[in-house]
All heavy atoms as atom14 arrays in JSON, in Angstrom:
{
  "sequence": "LEDGEGKWLIILFAVLMNILFIMYDRLLITLTR",
  "atom14_mask": [
    [1, 1, 1, 1, 1, 1, 1, 1, 0, 0, 0, 0, 0, 0],
    [1, 1, 1, 1, 1, 1, 1, 1, 1, 0, 0, 0, 0, 0],
    [1, 1, 1, 1, 1, 1, 1, 1, 0, 0, 0, 0, 0, 0],
    [1, 1, 1, 1, 0, 0, 0, 0, 0, 0, 0, 0, 0, 0],
    [1, 1, 1, 1, 1, 1, 1, 1, 1, 0, 0, 0, 0, 0],
    [1, 1, 1, 1, 0, 0, 0, 0, 0, 0, 0, 0, 0, 0],
    [1, 1, 1, 1, 1, 1, 1, 1, 1, 0, 0, 0, 0, 0],
    [1, 1, 1, 1, 1, 1, 1, 1, 1, 1, 1, 1, 1, 1],
    [1, 1, 1, 1, 1, 1, 1, 1, 0, 0, 0, 0, 0, 0],
    [1, 1, 1, 1, 1, 1, 1, 1, 0, 0, 0, 0, 0, 0],
    [1, 1, 1, 1, 1, 1, 1, 1, 0, 0, 0, 0, 0, 0],
    [1, 1, 1, 1, 1, 1, 1, 1, 0, 0, 0, 0, 0, 0],
    [1, 1, 1, 1, 1, 1, 1, 1, 1, 1, 1, 0, 0, 0],
    [1, 1, 1, 1, 1, 0, 0, 0, 0, 0, 0, 0, 0, 0],
    [1, 1, 1, 1, 1, 1, 1, 0, 0, 0, 0, 0, 0, 0],
    [1, 1, 1, 1, 1, 1, 1, 1, 0, 0, 0, 0, 0, 0],
    [1, 1, 1, 1, 1, 1, 1, 1, 0, 0, 0, 0, 0, 0],
    [1, 1, 1, 1, 1, 1, 1, 1, 0, 0, 0, 0, 0, 0],
    [1, 1, 1, 1, 1, 1, 1, 1, 0, 0, 0, 0, 0, 0],
    [1, 1, 1, 1, 1, 1, 1, 1, 0, 0, 0, 0, 0, 0],
    [1, 1, 1, 1, 1, 1, 1, 1, 1, 1, 1, 0, 0, 0],
    [1, 1, 1, 1, 1, 1, 1, 1, 0, 0, 0, 0, 0, 0],
    [1, 1, 1, 1, 1, 1, 1, 1, 0, 0, 0, 0, 0, 0],
    [1, 1, 1, 1, 1, 1, 1, 1, 1, 1, 1, 1, 0, 0],
    [1, 1, 1, 1, 1, 1, 1, 1, 0, 0, 0, 0, 0, 0],
    [1, 1, 1, 1, 1, 1, 1, 1, 1, 1, 1, 0, 0, 0],
    [1, 1, 1, 1, 1, 1, 1, 1, 0, 0, 0, 0, 0, 0],
    [1, 1, 1, 1, 1, 1, 1, 1, 0, 0, 0, 0, 0, 0],
    [1, 1, 1, 1, 1, 1, 1, 1, 0, 0, 0, 0, 0, 0],
    [1, 1, 1, 1, 1, 1, 1, 0, 0, 0, 0, 0, 0, 0],
    [1, 1, 1, 1, 1, 1, 1, 1, 0, 0, 0, 0, 0, 0],
    [1, 1, 1, 1, 1, 1, 1, 0, 0, 0, 0, 0, 0, 0],
    [1, 1, 1, 1, 1, 1, 1, 1, 1, 1, 1, 0, 0, 0]
  ],
  "atom14_positions": [
    [[8.5, -22.96, -89.74], [8.04, -24.3, -89.37], [6.85, -24.69, -90.24], [6.0, -23.86, -90.55], [7.6, -24.34, -87.9], [8.68, -24.09, -86.85], [8.04, -24.02, -85.49], [9.73, -25.18, -86.89], [0.0, 0.0, 0.0], [0.0, 0.0, 0.0], [0.0, 0.0, 0.0], [0.0, 0.0, 0.0], [0.0, 0.0, 0.0], [0.0, 0.0, 0.0]],
    [[6.82, -25.95, -90.63], [5.66, -26.47, -91.33], [4.57, -26.77, -90.31], [4.83, -26.91, -89.12], [6.03, -27.76, -92.09], [7.12, -27.56, -93.13], [6.7, -26.67, -94.28], [5.5, -26.66, -94.64], [7.56, -25.97, -94.81], [0.0, 0.0, 0.0], [0.0, 0.0, 0.0], [0.0, 0.0, 0.0], [0.0, 0.0, 0.0], [0.0, 0.0, 0.0]],
    [[3.34, -26.86, -90.77], [2.24, -27.18, -89.86], [2.49, -28.53, -89.2], [2.91, -29.49, -89.84], [0.91, -27.22, -90.62], [0.49, -25.84, -91.1], [0.93, -24.85, -90.49], [-0.27, -25.77, -92.08], [0.0, 0.0, 0.0], [0.0, 0.0, 0.0], [0.0, 0.0, 0.0], [0.0, 0.0, 0.0], [0.0, 0.0, 0.0], [0.0, 0.0, 0.0]],
    [[2.21, -28.6, -87.91], [2.38, -29.83, -87.16], [3.75, -29.99, -86.52], [3.93, -30.89, -85.71], [0.0, 0.0, 0.0], [0.0, 0.0, 0.0], [0.0, 0.0, 0.0], [0.0, 0.0, 0.0], [0.0, 0.0, 0.0], [0.0, 0.0, 0.0], [0.0, 0.0, 0.0], [0.0, 0.0, 0.0], [0.0, 0.0, 0.0], [0.0, 0.0, 0.0]],
    [[4.71, -29.17, -86.86], [6.03, -29.27, -86.22], [6.01, -28.52, -84.9], [5.37, -27.49, -84.76], [7.11, -28.7, -87.14], [7.35, -29.54, -88.37], [8.44, -28.98, -89.26], [8.87, -27.84, -89.03], [8.86, -29.7, -90.17], [0.0, 0.0, 0.0], [0.0, 0.0, 0.0], [0.0, 0.0, 0.0], [0.0, 0.0, 0.0], [0.0, 0.0, 0.0]],
    [[6.72, -29.03, -83.92], [6.73, -28.44, -82.6], [7.55, -27.16, -82.53], [8.49, -26.96, -83.29], [0.0, 0.0, 0.0], [0.0, 0.0, 0.0], [0.0, 0.0, 0.0], [0.0, 0.0, 0.0], [0.0, 0.0, 0.0], [0.0, 0.0, 0.0], [0.0, 0.0, 0.0], [0.0, 0.0, 0.0], [0.0, 0.0, 0.0], [0.0, 0.0, 0.0]],
    [[7.17, -26.31, -81.61], [7.9, -25.05, -81.41], [9.28, -25.29, -80.82], [10.14, -24.42, -80.9], [7.09, -24.12, -80.48], [5.72, -23.78, -81.01], [5.8, -22.94, -82.25], [4.4, -22.57, -82.7], [4.33, -22.03, -84.02], [0.0, 0.0, 0.0], [0.0, 0.0, 0.0], [0.0, 0.0, 0.0], [0.0, 0.0, 0.0], [0.0, 0.0, 0.0]],
    [[9.52, -26.46, -80.25], [10.83, -26.76, -79.69], [11.9, -26.82, -80.78], [13.08, -26.69, -80.5], [10.8, -28.06, -78.9], [10.44, -29.26, -79.74], [9.2, -29.74, -80.01], [11.36, -30.1, -80.44], [9.28, -30.83, -80.85], [10.6, -31.07, -81.13], [12.75, -30.12, -80.58], [11.19, -32.05, -81.92], [13.32, -31.1, -81.37], [12.54, -32.06, -82.02]],
    [[11.48, -26.98, -82.03], [12.43, -26.98, -83.13], [13.13, -25.63, -83.29], [14.27, -25.58, -83.76], [11.75, -27.38, -84.43], [11.44, -28.86, -84.6], [10.68, -29.12, -85.88], [12.7, -29.69, -84.55], [0.0, 0.0, 0.0], [0.0, 0.0, 0.0], [0.0, 0.0, 0.0], [0.0, 0.0, 0.0], [0.0, 0.0, 0.0], [0.0, 0.0, 0.0]],
    [[12.46, -24.56, -82.88], [13.1, -23.24, -82.94], [14.3, -23.2, -82.0], [15.37, -22.71, -82.37], [12.09, -22.13, -82.58], [10.98, -22.07, -83.64], [12.77, -20.78, -82.42], [9.85, -21.14, -83.29], [0.0, 0.0, 0.0], [0.0, 0.0, 0.0], [0.0, 0.0, 0.0], [0.0, 0.0, 0.0], [0.0, 0.0, 0.0], [0.0, 0.0, 0.0]],
    [[14.12, -23.75, -80.8], [15.22, -23.78, -79.83], [16.34, -24.7, -80.34], [17.52, -24.33, -80.27], [14.71, -24.24, -78.45], [13.71, -23.21, -77.92], [15.85, -24.47, -77.48], [12.95, -23.65, -76.7], [0.0, 0.0, 0.0], [0.0, 0.0, 0.0], [0.0, 0.0, 0.0], [0.0, 0.0, 0.0], [0.0, 0.0, 0.0], [0.0, 0.0, 0.0]],
    [[15.98, -25.86, -80.86], [16.97, -26.78, -81.4], [17.74, -26.14, -82.56], [18.96, -26.23, -82.64], [16.3, -28.07, -81.86], [17.21, -29.13, -82.47], [18.23, -29.62, -81.45], [16.4, -30.28, -83.03], [0.0, 0.0, 0.0], [0.0, 0.0, 0.0], [0.0, 0.0, 0.0], [0.0, 0.0, 0.0], [0.0, 0.0, 0.0], [0.0, 0.0, 0.0]],
    [[17.03, -25.46, -83.44], [17.65, -24.77, -84.57], [18.64, -23.72, -84.07], [19.77, -23.64, -84.56], [16.57, -24.12, -85.44], [17.11, -23.28, -86.57], [17.62, -23.88, -87.71], [17.12, -21.9, -86.49], [18.13, -23.12, -88.75], [17.62, -21.12, -87.52], [18.13, -21.74, -88.66], [0.0, 0.0, 0.0], [0.0, 0.0, 0.0], [0.0, 0.0, 0.0]],
    [[18.23, -22.93, -83.08], [19.1, -21.87, -82.55], [20.36, -22.47, -81.9], [21.47, -21.96, -82.11], [18.34, -21.01, -81.55], [0.0, 0.0, 0.0], [0.0, 0.0, 0.0], [0.0, 0.0, 0.0], [0.0, 0.0, 0.0], [0.0, 0.0, 0.0], [0.0, 0.0, 0.0], [0.0, 0.0, 0.0], [0.0, 0.0, 0.0], [0.0, 0.0, 0.0]],
    [[20.2, -23.52, -81.14], [21.35, -24.15, -80.49], [22.31, -24.72, -81.53], [23.53, -24.51, -81.46], [20.88, -25.26, -79.51], [22.04, -26.12, -79.04], [20.16, -24.64, -78.32], [0.0, 0.0, 0.0], [0.0, 0.0, 0.0], [0.0, 0.0, 0.0], [0.0, 0.0, 0.0], [0.0, 0.0, 0.0], [0.0, 0.0, 0.0], [0.0, 0.0, 0.0]],
    [[21.76, -25.44, -82.51], [22.62, -26.02, -83.56], [23.31, -24.94, -84.39], [24.48, -25.1, -84.76], [21.8, -26.95, -84.45], [21.32, -28.25, -83.79], [20.43, -29.03, -84.74], [22.49, -29.09, -83.32], [0.0, 0.0, 0.0], [0.0, 0.0, 0.0], [0.0, 0.0, 0.0], [0.0, 0.0, 0.0], [0.0, 0.0, 0.0], [0.0, 0.0, 0.0]],
    [[22.62, -23.85, -84.68], [23.24, -22.77, -85.43], [24.35, -22.09, -84.63], [25.36, -21.69, -85.2], [22.19, -21.74, -85.86], [21.3, -22.22, -87.0], [22.2, -22.67, -88.5], [22.82, -21.08, -89.03], [0.0, 0.0, 0.0], [0.0, 0.0, 0.0], [0.0, 0.0, 0.0], [0.0, 0.0, 0.0], [0.0, 0.0, 0.0], [0.0, 0.0, 0.0]],
    [[24.17, -21.97, -83.32], [25.23, -21.4, -82.48], [26.46, -22.3, -82.44], [27.59, -21.82, -82.5], [24.71, -21.12, -81.07], [23.99, -19.81, -80.99], [24.62, -18.77, -80.88], [22.66, -19.85, -81.08], [0.0, 0.0, 0.0], [0.0, 0.0, 0.0], [0.0, 0.0, 0.0], [0.0, 0.0, 0.0], [0.0, 0.0, 0.0], [0.0, 0.0, 0.0]],
    [[26.25, -23.61, -82.36], [27.36, -24.55, -82.4], [28.07, -24.46, -83.75], [29.3, -24.4, -83.82], [26.86, -25.99, -82.13], [26.39, -26.1, -80.67], [27.95, -27.01, -82.44], [25.66, -27.38, -80.36], [0.0, 0.0, 0.0], [0.0, 0.0, 0.0], [0.0, 0.0, 0.0], [0.0, 0.0, 0.0], [0.0, 0.0, 0.0], [0.0, 0.0, 0.0]],
    [[27.28, -24.41, -84.82], [27.84, -24.27, -86.16], [28.64, -22.98, -86.3], [29.72, -22.96, -86.87], [26.71, -24.32, -87.2], [27.13, -24.27, -88.66], [27.91, -25.52, -89.03], [25.9, -24.12, -89.53], [0.0, 0.0, 0.0], [0.0, 0.0, 0.0], [0.0, 0.0, 0.0], [0.0, 0.0, 0.0], [0.0, 0.0, 0.0], [0.0, 0.0, 0.0]],
    [[28.12, -21.89, -85.75], [28.81, -20.61, -85.82], [30.14, -20.65, -85.06], [31.15, -20.13, -85.53], [27.93, -19.49, -85.28], [28.64, -18.17, -85.21], [28.92, -17.47, -86.37], [29.06, -17.65, -84.0], [29.61, -16.26, -86.32], [29.73, -16.45, -83.93], [30.0, -15.75, -85.1], [0.0, 0.0, 0.0], [0.0, 0.0, 0.0], [0.0, 0.0, 0.0]],
    [[30.15, -21.25, -83.89], [31.39, -21.34, -83.11], [32.43, -22.17, -83.87], [33.61, -21.81, -83.92], [31.12, -21.9, -81.7], [30.31, -20.88, -80.88], [32.42, -22.27, -80.99], [29.76, -21.41, -79.59], [0.0, 0.0, 0.0], [0.0, 0.0, 0.0], [0.0, 0.0, 0.0], [0.0, 0.0, 0.0], [0.0, 0.0, 0.0], [0.0, 0.0, 0.0]],
    [[31.98, -23.25, -84.5], [32.89, -24.06, -85.31], [33.39, -23.26, -86.51], [34.57, -23.35, -86.87], [32.19, -25.35, -85.75], [31.95, -26.31, -84.61], [30.91, -27.75, -84.96], [31.29, -28.21, -86.61], [0.0, 0.0, 0.0], [0.0, 0.0, 0.0], [0.0, 0.0, 0.0], [0.0, 0.0, 0.0], [0.0, 0.0, 0.0], [0.0, 0.0, 0.0]],
    [[32.51, -22.49, -87.13], [32.89, -21.65, -88.27], [33.91, -20.59, -87.85], [34.89, -20.35, -88.55], [31.64, -20.99, -88.85], [31.86, -20.11, -90.04], [32.27, -20.64, -91.26], [31.63, -18.74, -89.97], [32.45, -19.83, -92.37], [31.81, -17.93, -91.07], [32.23, -18.48, -92.27], [32.41, -17.67, -93.36], [0.0, 0.0, 0.0], [0.0, 0.0, 0.0]],
    [[33.7, -20.0, -86.7], [34.63, -18.99, -86.18], [36.01, -19.61, -85.97], [37.02, -19.03, -86.37], [34.08, -18.42, -84.87], [34.96, -17.32, -84.31], [35.18, -16.33, -85.03], [35.42, -17.46, -83.16], [0.0, 0.0, 0.0], [0.0, 0.0, 0.0], [0.0, 0.0, 0.0], [0.0, 0.0, 0.0], [0.0, 0.0, 0.0], [0.0, 0.0, 0.0]],
    [[36.08, -20.76, -85.37], [37.35, -21.46, -85.15], [37.99, -21.82, -86.5], [39.21, -21.69, -86.66], [37.16, -22.75, -84.34], [36.67, -22.54, -82.93], [37.77, -22.05, -82.02], [37.53, -20.63, -81.78], [38.39, -19.77, -81.31], [39.61, -20.14, -81.03], [38.1, -18.51, -81.13], [0.0, 0.0, 0.0], [0.0, 0.0, 0.0], [0.0, 0.0, 0.0]],
    [[37.18, -22.28, -87.44], [37.69, -22.63, -88.76], [38.28, -21.42, -89.47], [39.34, -21.51, -90.09], [36.57, -23.25, -89.61], [36.95, -23.65, -91.04], [38.0, -24.74, -91.03], [35.71, -24.09, -91.8], [0.0, 0.0, 0.0], [0.0, 0.0, 0.0], [0.0, 0.0, 0.0], [0.0, 0.0, 0.0], [0.0, 0.0, 0.0], [0.0, 0.0, 0.0]],
    [[37.63, -20.27, -89.36], [38.15, -19.06, -89.98], [39.49, -18.65, -89.38], [40.4, -18.23, -90.11], [37.16, -17.9, -89.85], [35.93, -17.95, -90.74], [35.02, -16.77, -90.43], [36.29, -17.96, -92.21], [0.0, 0.0, 0.0], [0.0, 0.0, 0.0], [0.0, 0.0, 0.0], [0.0, 0.0, 0.0], [0.0, 0.0, 0.0], [0.0, 0.0, 0.0]],
    [[39.62, -18.78, -88.08], [40.89, -18.46, -87.43], [41.99, -19.39, -87.95], [43.09, -18.94, -88.3], [40.76, -18.55, -85.89], [39.85, -17.43, -85.38], [42.12, -18.51, -85.22], [39.44, -17.58, -83.93], [0.0, 0.0, 0.0], [0.0, 0.0, 0.0], [0.0, 0.0, 0.0], [0.0, 0.0, 0.0], [0.0, 0.0, 0.0], [0.0, 0.0, 0.0]],
    [[41.69, -20.67, -88.04], [42.66, -21.65, -88.52], [43.0, -21.4, -89.99], [44.18, -21.42, -90.37], [42.12, -23.08, -88.34], [41.8, -23.27, -86.96], [43.13, -24.11, -88.77], [0.0, 0.0, 0.0], [0.0, 0.0, 0.0], [0.0, 0.0, 0.0], [0.0, 0.0, 0.0], [0.0, 0.0, 0.0], [0.0, 0.0, 0.0], [0.0, 0.0, 0.0]],
    [[41.99, -21.16, -90.82], [42.24, -20.92, -92.24], [43.03, -19.63, -92.47], [43.89, -19.58, -93.36], [40.93, -20.88, -93.01], [40.26, -22.21, -93.26], [38.91, -22.01, -93.96], [41.14, -23.14, -94.06], [0.0, 0.0, 0.0], [0.0, 0.0, 0.0], [0.0, 0.0, 0.0], [0.0, 0.0, 0.0], [0.0, 0.0, 0.0], [0.0, 0.0, 0.0]],
    [[42.75, -18.61, -91.68], [43.5, -17.36, -91.81], [44.96, -17.59, -91.48], [45.86, -17.13, -92.2], [42.9, -16.27, -90.9], [41.54, -16.07, -91.25], [43.66, -14.97, -91.02], [0.0, 0.0, 0.0], [0.0, 0.0, 0.0], [0.0, 0.0, 0.0], [0.0, 0.0, 0.0], [0.0, 0.0, 0.0], [0.0, 0.0, 0.0], [0.0, 0.0, 0.0]],
    [[45.22, -18.29, -90.42], [46.6, -18.58, -90.03], [47.29, -19.45, -91.08], [48.44, -19.21, -91.45], [46.61, -19.28, -88.65], [47.96, -19.46, -88.09], [48.56, -18.12, -87.68], [49.93, -18.35, -87.27], [50.95, -17.61, -87.64], [50.77, -16.54, -88.37], [52.15, -17.9, -87.25], [0.0, 0.0, 0.0], [0.0, 0.0, 0.0], [0.0, 0.0, 0.0]]
  ]
}
């Protein structure tokens, strides 16, 4: 985090990365098939 950014961005980053990962997992299954 840069100075002045809120700590809530860590939670937002984690949530967005988990959503991205779930989408990536589904995409890999589809691409493999």
